[in-house]
C-alpha atoms as a PDB file:
ATOM      1  CA  UNK A   1     -17.370 -88.174  19.387  1.00  0.00           C
ATOM      2  CA  UNK A   2     -17.286 -83.983  20.078  1.00  0.00           C
ATOM      3  CA  UNK A   3     -18.871 -81.911  18.238  1.00  0.00           C
ATOM      4  CA  UNK A   4     -16.815 -79.130  16.187  1.00  0.00           C
ATOM      5  CA  UNK A   5     -16.480 -75.699  17.765  1.00  0.00           C
ATOM      6  CA  UNK A   6     -17.895 -73.250  15.269  1.00  0.00           C
ATOM      7  CA  UNK A   7     -15.549 -70.197  14.781  1.00  0.00           C
ATOM      8  CA  UNK A   8     -16.530 -67.070  12.839  1.00  0.00           C
ATOM      9  CA  UNK A   9     -14.528 -63.934  12.301  1.00  0.00           C
ATOM     10  CA  UNK A  10     -17.534 -61.582  13.193  1.00  0.00           C
ATOM     11  CA  UNK A  11     -20.823 -61.699  14.824  1.00  0.00           C
ATOM     12  CA  UNK A  12     -23.133 -58.871  15.142  1.00  0.00           C
ATOM     13  CA  UNK A  13     -25.653 -58.936  17.811  1.00  0.00           C
ATOM     14  CA  UNK A  14     -28.781 -56.714  17.893  1.00  0.00           C
ATOM     15  CA  UNK A  15     -30.514 -55.379  21.378  1.00  0.00           C
ATOM     16  CA  UNK A  16     -27.254 -56.782  23.037  1.00  0.00           C
ATOM     17  CA  UNK A  17     -27.616 -54.573  25.894  1.00  0.00           C
ATOM     18  CA  UNK A  18     -30.324 -56.740  27.552  1.00  0.00           C
ATOM     19  CA  UNK A  19     -32.490 -60.098  27.496  1.00  0.00           C
ATOM     20  CA  UNK A  20     -31.801 -62.308  24.907  1.00  0.00           C
ATOM     21  CA  UNK A  21     -29.329 -60.181  23.052  1.00  0.00           C
ATOM     22  CA  UNK A  22     -27.084 -60.230  25.943  1.00  0.00           C
ATOM     23  CA  UNK A  23     -27.583 -63.527  26.535  1.00  0.00           C
ATOM     24  CA  UNK A  24     -26.559 -64.532  22.864  1.00  0.00           C
ATOM     25  CA  UNK A  25     -23.486 -62.228  23.197  1.00  0.00           C
ATOM     26  CA  UNK A  26     -22.257 -64.517  26.611  1.00  0.00           C
ATOM     27  CA  UNK A  27     -23.379 -67.684  24.428  1.00  0.00           C
ATOM     28  CA  UNK A  28     -21.734 -66.945  21.347  1.00  0.00           C
ATOM     29  CA  UNK A  29     -18.557 -64.907  22.688  1.00  0.00           C
ATOM     30  CA  UNK A  30     -16.711 -68.299  22.624  1.00  0.00           C
ATOM     31  CA  UNK A  31     -17.067 -68.558  18.777  1.00  0.00           C
ATOM     32  CA  UNK A  32     -16.195 -65.502  17.446  1.00  0.00           C
ATOM     33  CA  UNK A  33     -12.939 -63.210  17.010  1.00  0.00           C
ATOM     34  CA  UNK A  34     -15.062 -60.011  17.136  1.00  0.00           C
ATOM     35  CA  UNK A  35     -18.862 -59.508  18.490  1.00  0.00           C
ATOM     36  CA  UNK A  36     -20.269 -56.362  17.520  1.00  0.00           C
ATOM     37  CA  UNK A  37     -22.662 -55.561  20.281  1.00  0.00           C
ATOM     38  CA  UNK A  38     -25.717 -52.866  18.954  1.00  0.00           C
ATOM     39  CA  UNK A  39     -28.444 -51.373  21.391  1.00  0.00           C
ATOM     40  CA  UNK A  40     -29.409 -47.812  22.294  1.00  0.00           C
ATOM     41  CA  UNK A  41     -27.713 -47.907  25.795  1.00  0.00           C
ATOM     42  CA  UNK A  42     -23.816 -47.199  24.943  1.00  0.00           C
ATOM     43  CA  UNK A  43     -22.907 -47.200  28.650  1.00  0.00           C
ATOM     44  CA  UNK A  44     -24.388 -50.885  29.234  1.00  0.00           C
ATOM     45  CA  UNK A  45     -22.638 -51.864  25.939  1.00  0.00           C
ATOM     46  CA  UNK A  46     -19.348 -50.538  26.912  1.00  0.00           C
ATOM     47  CA  UNK A  47     -19.996 -52.718  29.907  1.00  0.00           C
ATOM     48  CA  UNK A  48     -20.944 -55.648  28.492  1.00  0.00           C
ATOM     49  CA  UNK A  49     -18.091 -55.578  26.035  1.00  0.00           C
ATOM     50  CA  UNK A  50     -15.181 -55.095  28.644  1.00  0.00           C
ATOM     51  CA  UNK A  51     -16.624 -58.037  30.768  1.00  0.00           C
ATOM     52  CA  UNK A  52     -16.876 -60.306  27.678  1.00  0.00           C
ATOM     53  CA  UNK A  53     -13.339 -59.616  26.667  1.00  0.00           C
ATOM     54  CA  UNK A  54     -11.982 -60.389  30.165  1.00  0.00           C
ATOM     55  CA  UNK A  55     -14.054 -63.391  30.406  1.00  0.00           C
ATOM     56  CA  UNK A  56     -12.841 -64.378  26.570  1.00  0.00           C
ATOM     57  CA  UNK A  57      -9.267 -63.798  26.099  1.00  0.00           C
ATOM     58  CA  UNK A  58      -8.649 -63.023  22.538  1.00  0.00           C
ATOM     59  CA  UNK A  59     -12.078 -62.099  22.133  1.00  0.00           C
ATOM     60  CA  UNK A  60     -12.550 -58.461  20.380  1.00  0.00           C
ATOM     61  CA  UNK A  61     -16.003 -56.664  21.313  1.00  0.00           C
ATOM     62  CA  UNK A  62     -16.865 -53.766  19.416  1.00  0.00           C
ATOM     63  CA  UNK A  63     -19.808 -51.335  20.594  1.00  0.00           C
ATOM     64  CA  UNK A  64     -22.042 -49.652  18.218  1.00  0.00           C
ATOM     65  CA  UNK A  65     -24.884 -47.448  20.144  1.00  0.00           C
ATOM     66  CA  UNK A  66     -27.830 -47.099  17.749  1.00  0.00           C
ATOM     67  CA  UNK A  67     -31.365 -46.992  17.748  1.00  0.00           C
ATOM     68  CA  UNK A  68     -32.340 -49.259  14.762  1.00  0.00           C
ATOM     69  CA  UNK A  69     -36.169 -48.052  15.168  1.00  0.00           C
ATOM     70  CA  UNK A  70     -34.575 -44.535  14.235  1.00  0.00           C
ATOM     71  CA  UNK A  71     -34.539 -43.743  10.276  1.00  0.00           C
ATOM     72  CA  UNK A  72     -31.332 -41.830  10.802  1.00  0.00           C
ATOM     73  CA  UNK A  73     -29.599 -44.213  12.913  1.00  0.00           C
ATOM     74  CA  UNK A  74     -30.758 -47.029  10.672  1.00  0.00           C
ATOM     75  CA  UNK A  75     -28.927 -45.220   7.682  1.00  0.00           C
ATOM     76  CA  UNK A  76     -25.645 -44.849   9.758  1.00  0.00           C
ATOM     77  CA  UNK A  77     -25.755 -48.402  10.694  1.00  0.00           C
ATOM     78  CA  UNK A  78     -26.116 -49.315   7.010  1.00  0.00           C
ATOM     79  CA  UNK A  79     -23.297 -47.243   6.057  1.00  0.00           C
ATOM     80  CA  UNK A  80     -21.225 -48.947   8.624  1.00  0.00           C
ATOM     81  CA  UNK A  81     -22.053 -52.523   7.696  1.00  0.00           C
ATOM     82  CA  UNK A  82     -21.509 -51.425   4.256  1.00  0.00           C
ATOM     83  CA  UNK A  83     -17.754 -50.620   5.805  1.00  0.00           C
ATOM     84  CA  UNK A  84     -17.419 -53.701   7.242  1.00  0.00           C
ATOM     85  CA  UNK A  85     -17.806 -55.668   3.965  1.00  0.00           C
ATOM     86  CA  UNK A  86     -14.913 -53.567   2.509  1.00  0.00           C
ATOM     87  CA  UNK A  87     -11.983 -55.245   1.372  1.00  0.00           C
ATOM     88  CA  UNK A  88      -8.476 -53.974   3.146  1.00  0.00           C
ATOM     89  CA  UNK A  89      -6.204 -52.024   1.304  1.00  0.00           C
END
């Protein structure tokens, strides 16, 4: 008996530009309609997003360059995630 595949509308991954975060992005990509990739290095995130979208047709990979150790960046991230939860008009 096969295990059912999990499917998520959106998965947010912090530290996605390298290491475990990058590995999680690759592993979770087949299970998401959208991946939101967050890390300080926007250029690396954009390259990863393009590679994941190419490898997984139908996936939307969004990039949010942000240093979550910086208070102003954390405030921006908080506002942005609140916007993600908003119901469409």
